[in-house]
Amino acid sequence: MLLLAPTLLALGVALLQGGSLAYLAHLPLRGAPLMLLALALQIVLYLPGVRTSVLVVSHGGTIYVATLAAVLAAALVNWRLGLTLRLAALGLALNVLVIAANGGHMPTNGPAMRAVRGEATVRAIVNRHLYGNTLLSTPATRFVALSDVIPVPFPPGQGNVYSVGDIILAIGVAGLAYKATRHPYVADGGNFCPGR
């Protein structure tokens, strides 16, 4: 939700200011198939029957880190797209660091999660009989300050707890969506140029 809402808002604002989805469609993203494959694998990890399999419960964290690393690699080959893409890559890199350092799971602050999603969600995170990409923070958690510690109670009952990396990633993706929709990308110098 944190990534989707700002991105949709950015797209809407860009369109209201005279932008075009055609500009966005012509953004020369490199590595898009790799990014889509990695995201598809992440979705597969949560399918009923898959997320309870011994393989995924045992090795899902490693698979998750590998898919995040693939998305990060695809983002980095697009460095030329400017500051907003670089912000998105930084946010993603921070998340990969924390997740990799914590065995393939993003630690989340239990009291914050309980406050925004309730006790049932906290119990689901603790349930190690099915795969989940989060775990509750403990004293042994590495990079706690960069883990999911920022509670966002909106929308009510559907809020979540986010990391600093999530926030930076959302700002970067929304910014890139705005720029790429508002003005066409011009390869000479790698700029988004108004009036072209």
C-alpha atoms as a PDB file:
ATOM      1  CA  MET A   1       0.000   0.000   0.000  1.00  0.00           C
ATOM      2  CA  LEU A   2       2.825   2.398   0.850  1.00  0.00           C
ATOM      3  CA  LEU A   3       4.308   2.023  -2.629  1.00  0.00           C
ATOM      4  CA  LEU A   4       1.020   1.979  -4.533  1.00  0.00           C
ATOM      5  CA  ALA A   5      -0.789   4.987  -3.017  1.00  0.00           C
ATOM      6  CA  PRO A   6       1.954   7.620  -3.557  1.00  0.00           C
ATOM      7  CA  THR A   7       2.661   6.267  -7.042  1.00  0.00           C
ATOM      8  CA  LEU A   8      -1.005   6.495  -8.072  1.00  0.00           C
ATOM      9  CA  LEU A   9      -1.203   9.999  -6.586  1.00  0.00           C
ATOM     10  CA  ALA A  10       1.939  11.042  -8.501  1.00  0.00           C
ATOM     11  CA  LEU A  11       0.495   9.628 -11.730  1.00  0.00           C
ATOM     12  CA  GLY A  12      -2.780  11.478 -11.164  1.00  0.00           C
ATOM     13  CA  VAL A  13      -1.060  14.797 -10.492  1.00  0.00           C
ATOM     14  CA  ALA A  14       1.193  14.395 -13.541  1.00  0.00           C
ATOM     15  CA  LEU A  15      -1.802  13.652 -15.752  1.00  0.00           C
ATOM     16  CA  LEU A  16      -3.735  16.644 -14.375  1.00  0.00           C
ATOM     17  CA  GLN A  17      -0.728  18.834 -15.203  1.00  0.00           C
ATOM     18  CA  GLY A  18      -0.765  17.747 -18.832  1.00  0.00           C
ATOM     19  CA  GLY A  19       1.366  14.621 -18.656  1.00  0.00           C
ATOM     20  CA  SER A  20       0.756  11.481 -20.636  1.00  0.00           C
ATOM     21  CA  LEU A  21       0.816   7.760 -19.897  1.00  0.00           C
ATOM     22  CA  ALA A  22       2.462   7.442 -23.326  1.00  0.00           C
ATOM     23  CA  TYR A  23       5.531   9.197 -21.876  1.00  0.00           C
ATOM     24  CA  LEU A  24       5.616   6.656 -19.050  1.00  0.00           C
ATOM     25  CA  ALA A  25       5.130   3.765 -21.463  1.00  0.00           C
ATOM     26  CA  HIS A  26       8.193   4.890 -23.435  1.00  0.00           C
ATOM     27  CA  LEU A  27      10.480   5.146 -20.407  1.00  0.00           C
ATOM     28  CA  PRO A  28      13.526   3.057 -21.370  1.00  0.00           C
ATOM     29  CA  LEU A  29      13.665   0.732 -18.377  1.00  0.00           C
ATOM     30  CA  ARG A  30      16.448  -1.808 -18.575  1.00  0.00           C
ATOM     31  CA  GLY A  31      16.097  -5.140 -16.825  1.00  0.00           C
ATOM     32  CA  ALA A  32      12.294  -4.970 -16.673  1.00  0.00           C
ATOM     33  CA  PRO A  33      11.861  -8.719 -17.413  1.00  0.00           C
ATOM     34  CA  LEU A  34      14.216  -9.572 -14.535  1.00  0.00           C
ATOM     35  CA  MET A  35      12.304  -7.237 -12.230  1.00  0.00           C
ATOM     36  CA  LEU A  36       8.954  -8.745 -13.222  1.00  0.00           C
ATOM     37  CA  LEU A  37      10.241 -12.318 -12.846  1.00  0.00           C
ATOM     38  CA  ALA A  38      11.591 -11.552  -9.378  1.00  0.00           C
ATOM     39  CA  LEU A  39       8.320  -9.933  -8.293  1.00  0.00           C
ATOM     40  CA  ALA A  40       6.356 -12.895  -9.707  1.00  0.00           C
ATOM     41  CA  LEU A  41       8.516 -15.281  -7.656  1.00  0.00           C
ATOM     42  CA  GLN A  42       7.738 -13.244  -4.545  1.00  0.00           C
ATOM     43  CA  ILE A  43       4.020 -13.641  -5.258  1.00  0.00           C
ATOM     44  CA  VAL A  44       4.440 -17.408  -5.745  1.00  0.00           C
ATOM     45  CA  LEU A  45       5.975 -17.672  -2.256  1.00  0.00           C
ATOM     46  CA  TYR A  46       2.585 -16.643  -0.805  1.00  0.00           C
ATOM     47  CA  LEU A  47       0.341 -18.954  -2.800  1.00  0.00           C
ATOM     48  CA  PRO A  48      -1.709 -21.411  -0.725  1.00  0.00           C
ATOM     49  CA  GLY A  49       0.091 -24.727  -0.659  1.00  0.00           C
ATOM     50  CA  VAL A  50       3.388 -23.078  -1.572  1.00  0.00           C
ATOM     51  CA  ARG A  51       3.837 -20.967   1.547  1.00  0.00           C
ATOM     52  CA  THR A  52       3.272 -24.015   3.773  1.00  0.00           C
ATOM     53  CA  SER A  53       5.625 -26.303   1.820  1.00  0.00           C
ATOM     54  CA  VAL A  54       8.736 -27.514   3.635  1.00  0.00           C
ATOM     55  CA  LEU A  55      10.970 -26.065   0.900  1.00  0.00           C
ATOM     56  CA  VAL A  56       9.491 -22.568   1.149  1.00  0.00           C
ATOM     57  CA  VAL A  57       9.212 -22.561   4.951  1.00  0.00           C
ATOM     58  CA  SER A  58      12.874 -23.669   5.144  1.00  0.00           C
ATOM     59  CA  HIS A  59      14.367 -21.648   2.282  1.00  0.00           C
ATOM     60  CA  GLY A  60      11.839 -18.904   1.556  1.00  0.00           C
ATOM     61  CA  GLY A  61      14.067 -16.286   3.171  1.00  0.00           C
ATOM     62  CA  THR A  62      16.928 -17.128   0.834  1.00  0.00           C
ATOM     63  CA  ILE A  63      14.613 -17.089  -2.181  1.00  0.00           C
ATOM     64  CA  TYR A  64      13.198 -13.742  -1.025  1.00  0.00           C
ATOM     65  CA  VAL A  65      16.664 -12.175  -0.658  1.00  0.00           C
ATOM     66  CA  ALA A  66      17.609 -13.454  -4.126  1.00  0.00           C
ATOM     67  CA  THR A  67      14.496 -11.905  -5.665  1.00  0.00           C
ATOM     68  CA  LEU A  68      15.135  -8.588  -3.910  1.00  0.00           C
ATOM     69  CA  ALA A  69      18.746  -8.634  -5.093  1.00  0.00           C
ATOM     70  CA  ALA A  70      17.499  -9.206  -8.667  1.00  0.00           C
ATOM     71  CA  VAL A  71      15.117  -6.233  -8.406  1.00  0.00           C
ATOM     72  CA  LEU A  72      17.953  -4.113  -6.967  1.00  0.00           C
ATOM     73  CA  ALA A  73      20.275  -5.154  -9.823  1.00  0.00           C
ATOM     74  CA  ALA A  74      17.586  -4.186 -12.340  1.00  0.00           C
ATOM     75  CA  ALA A  75      17.146  -0.836 -10.594  1.00  0.00           C
ATOM     76  CA  LEU A  76      20.880  -0.155 -10.594  1.00  0.00           C
ATOM     77  CA  VAL A  77      21.208  -0.695 -14.350  1.00  0.00           C
ATOM     78  CA  ASN A  78      18.743   2.183 -14.691  1.00  0.00           C
ATOM     79  CA  TRP A  79      20.922   4.599 -12.699  1.00  0.00           C
ATOM     80  CA  ARG A  80      20.879   7.021 -15.647  1.00  0.00           C
ATOM     81  CA  LEU A  81      17.188   7.755 -15.021  1.00  0.00           C
ATOM     82  CA  GLY A  82      18.154  10.243 -12.354  1.00  0.00           C
ATOM     83  CA  LEU A  83      17.671  11.116  -8.710  1.00  0.00           C
ATOM     84  CA  THR A  84      14.239   9.589  -8.223  1.00  0.00           C
ATOM     85  CA  LEU A  85      15.387   6.193  -9.507  1.00  0.00           C
ATOM     86  CA  ARG A  86      18.481   6.469  -7.310  1.00  0.00           C
ATOM     87  CA  LEU A  87      16.299   7.167  -4.278  1.00  0.00           C
ATOM     88  CA  ALA A  88      14.200   4.094  -5.077  1.00  0.00           C
ATOM     89  CA  ALA A  89      17.381   2.015  -5.408  1.00  0.00           C
ATOM     90  CA  LEU A  90      18.694   3.366  -2.090  1.00  0.00           C
ATOM     91  CA  GLY A  91      15.463   2.457  -0.298  1.00  0.00           C
ATOM     92  CA  LEU A  92      15.521  -1.002  -1.812  1.00  0.00           C
ATOM     93  CA  ALA A  93      19.209  -1.453  -0.929  1.00  0.00           C
ATOM     94  CA  LEU A  94      18.505  -0.533   2.708  1.00  0.00           C
ATOM     95  CA  ASN A  95      15.720  -3.117   2.827  1.00  0.00           C
ATOM     96  CA  VAL A  96      17.920  -5.790   1.213  1.00  0.00           C
ATOM     97  CA  LEU A  97      20.641  -5.076   3.793  1.00  0.00           C
ATOM     98  CA  VAL A  98      18.268  -5.507   6.733  1.00  0.00           C
ATOM     99  CA  ILE A  99      16.510  -8.545   5.288  1.00  0.00           C
ATOM    100  CA  ALA A 100      19.748 -10.319   4.351  1.00  0.00           C
ATOM    101  CA  ALA A 101      21.269  -9.579   7.772  1.00  0.00           C
ATOM    102  CA  ASN A 102      18.203 -11.103   9.454  1.00  0.00           C
ATOM    103  CA  GLY A 103      18.039 -14.424   7.656  1.00  0.00           C
ATOM    104  CA  GLY A 104      15.790 -13.382   4.800  1.00  0.00           C
ATOM    105  CA  HIS A 105      13.091 -11.700   6.875  1.00  0.00           C
ATOM    106  CA  MET A 106      12.304  -8.064   7.594  1.00  0.00           C
ATOM    107  CA  PRO A 107      12.085  -7.579  11.350  1.00  0.00           C
ATOM    108  CA  THR A 108       9.003  -5.693  12.488  1.00  0.00           C
ATOM    109  CA  ASN A 109       8.276  -3.957  15.752  1.00  0.00           C
ATOM    110  CA  GLY A 110       5.675  -6.081  17.563  1.00  0.00           C
ATOM    111  CA  PRO A 111       3.925  -3.326  19.542  1.00  0.00           C
ATOM    112  CA  ALA A 112       3.732  -1.101  16.453  1.00  0.00           C
ATOM    113  CA  MET A 113       2.267  -3.948  14.380  1.00  0.00           C
ATOM    114  CA  ARG A 114      -0.205  -4.796  17.146  1.00  0.00           C
ATOM    115  CA  ALA A 115      -1.299  -1.141  17.248  1.00  0.00           C
ATOM    116  CA  VAL A 116      -2.019  -0.892  13.526  1.00  0.00           C
ATOM    117  CA  ARG A 117      -3.123  -4.443  12.604  1.00  0.00           C
ATOM    118  CA  GLY A 118      -4.054  -6.183  15.839  1.00  0.00           C
ATOM    119  CA  GLU A 119      -3.018  -9.271  17.753  1.00  0.00           C
ATOM    120  CA  ALA A 120      -4.016 -11.716  14.987  1.00  0.00           C
ATOM    121  CA  THR A 121      -1.416 -10.244  12.627  1.00  0.00           C
ATOM    122  CA  VAL A 122       1.275 -10.489  15.288  1.00  0.00           C
ATOM    123  CA  ARG A 123       0.350 -14.156  15.864  1.00  0.00           C
ATOM    124  CA  ALA A 124       0.519 -14.809  12.108  1.00  0.00           C
ATOM    125  CA  ILE A 125       4.026 -13.352  11.986  1.00  0.00           C
ATOM    126  CA  VAL A 126       5.100 -15.621  14.838  1.00  0.00           C
ATOM    127  CA  ASN A 127       3.638 -18.720  13.106  1.00  0.00           C
ATOM    128  CA  ARG A 128       6.686 -20.376  11.551  1.00  0.00           C
ATOM    129  CA  HIS A 129       4.612 -23.124   9.884  1.00  0.00           C
ATOM    130  CA  LEU A 130       4.000 -20.903   6.889  1.00  0.00           C
ATOM    131  CA  TYR A 131       6.298 -18.597   4.992  1.00  0.00           C
ATOM    132  CA  GLY A 132       6.264 -14.895   5.742  1.00  0.00           C
ATOM    133  CA  ASN A 133       8.827 -12.258   4.841  1.00  0.00           C
ATOM    134  CA  THR A 134       8.640 -10.637   8.278  1.00  0.00           C
ATOM    135  CA  LEU A 135       9.512 -11.668  11.802  1.00  0.00           C
ATOM    136  CA  LEU A 136       9.181  -9.902  15.115  1.00  0.00           C
ATOM    137  CA  SER A 137      12.186  -7.900  16.262  1.00  0.00           C
ATOM    138  CA  THR A 138      14.180  -9.318  19.156  1.00  0.00           C
ATOM    139  CA  PRO A 139      17.286  -8.137  21.009  1.00  0.00           C
ATOM    140  CA  ALA A 140      19.319 -10.118  18.435  1.00  0.00           C
ATOM    141  CA  THR A 141      17.813  -8.262  15.460  1.00  0.00           C
ATOM    142  CA  ARG A 142      20.390  -6.559  13.259  1.00  0.00           C
ATOM    143  CA  PHE A 143      19.844  -3.008  11.963  1.00  0.00           C
ATOM    144  CA  VAL A 144      16.723  -2.471  14.077  1.00  0.00           C
ATOM    145  CA  ALA A 145      16.550   1.237  13.205  1.00  0.00           C
ATOM    146  CA  LEU A 146      16.275   0.312   9.510  1.00  0.00           C
ATOM    147  CA  SER A 147      13.657  -2.412  10.049  1.00  0.00           C
ATOM    148  CA  ASP A 148       9.867  -2.027  10.090  1.00  0.00           C
ATOM    149  CA  VAL A 149       9.489   0.458  12.949  1.00  0.00           C
ATOM    150  CA  ILE A 150       7.294   3.211  11.454  1.00  0.00           C
ATOM    151  CA  PRO A 151       3.583   2.554  12.128  1.00  0.00           C
ATOM    152  CA  VAL A 152       1.183   3.938   9.532  1.00  0.00           C
ATOM    153  CA  PRO A 153      -2.378   3.369  10.790  1.00  0.00           C
ATOM    154  CA  PHE A 154      -4.008   4.331   7.485  1.00  0.00           C
ATOM    155  CA  PRO A 155      -6.329   3.000   6.257  1.00  0.00           C
ATOM    156  CA  PRO A 156      -7.857   2.035   9.623  1.00  0.00           C
ATOM    157  CA  GLY A 157      -7.472  -1.667  10.311  1.00  0.00           C
ATOM    158  CA  GLN A 158      -5.347  -2.076   7.175  1.00  0.00           C
ATOM    159  CA  GLY A 159      -2.353   0.035   8.145  1.00  0.00           C
ATOM    160  CA  ASN A 160       1.101  -1.422   8.383  1.00  0.00           C
ATOM    161  CA  VAL A 161       4.554  -0.903   9.845  1.00  0.00           C
ATOM    162  CA  TYR A 162       7.201   0.318   7.421  1.00  0.00           C
ATOM    163  CA  SER A 163      10.947   0.777   7.288  1.00  0.00           C
ATOM    164  CA  VAL A 164      13.006   3.834   6.398  1.00  0.00           C
ATOM    165  CA  GLY A 165      13.895   1.957   3.203  1.00  0.00           C
ATOM    166  CA  ASP A 166      10.195   1.539   2.395  1.00  0.00           C
ATOM    167  CA  ILE A 167       9.635   5.297   2.760  1.00  0.00           C
ATOM    168  CA  ILE A 168      12.638   6.189   0.573  1.00  0.00           C
ATOM    169  CA  LEU A 169      11.624   3.561  -1.999  1.00  0.00           C
ATOM    170  CA  ALA A 170       8.058   4.935  -2.139  1.00  0.00           C
ATOM    171  CA  ILE A 171       9.305   8.512  -2.580  1.00  0.00           C
ATOM    172  CA  GLY A 172      11.666   7.420  -5.358  1.00  0.00           C
ATOM    173  CA  VAL A 173       9.109   5.327  -7.259  1.00  0.00           C
ATOM    174  CA  ALA A 174       6.413   8.012  -6.952  1.00  0.00           C
ATOM    175  CA  GLY A 175       8.878  10.679  -8.068  1.00  0.00           C
ATOM    176  CA  LEU A 176       9.975   8.616 -11.058  1.00  0.00           C
ATOM    177  CA  ALA A 177       6.343   7.896 -11.996  1.00  0.00           C
ATOM    178  CA  TYR A 178       5.579  11.625 -11.818  1.00  0.00           C
ATOM    179  CA  LYS A 179       8.604  12.673 -13.876  1.00  0.00           C
ATOM    180  CA  ALA A 180       8.150   9.920 -16.467  1.00  0.00           C
ATOM    181  CA  THR A 181       4.450  10.766 -16.900  1.00  0.00           C
ATOM    182  CA  ARG A 182       4.799  14.552 -16.808  1.00  0.00           C
ATOM    183  CA  HIS A 183       7.543  14.871 -19.457  1.00  0.00           C
ATOM    184  CA  PRO A 184       9.081  12.556 -22.037  1.00  0.00           C
ATOM    185  CA  TYR A 185      12.472  11.046 -21.295  1.00  0.00           C
ATOM    186  CA  VAL A 186      15.188  12.164 -23.711  1.00  0.00           C
ATOM    187  CA  ALA A 187      18.204   9.889 -24.038  1.00  0.00           C
ATOM    188  CA  ASP A 188      20.701  12.693 -24.681  1.00  0.00           C
ATOM    189  CA  GLY A 189      21.887  13.475 -21.177  1.00  0.00           C
ATOM    190  CA  GLY A 190      19.241  11.299 -19.562  1.00  0.00           C
ATOM    191  CA  ASN A 191      16.755  14.057 -18.762  1.00  0.00           C
ATOM    192  CA  PHE A 192      13.009  14.433 -18.634  1.00  0.00           C
ATOM    193  CA  CYS A 193      12.455  17.380 -20.940  1.00  0.00           C
ATOM    194  CA  PRO A 194       9.367  19.577 -20.997  1.00  0.00           C
ATOM    195  CA  GLY A 195       8.163  20.699 -24.392  1.00  0.00           C
ATOM    196  CA  ARG A 196       9.557  17.744 -26.355  1.00  0.00           C
END
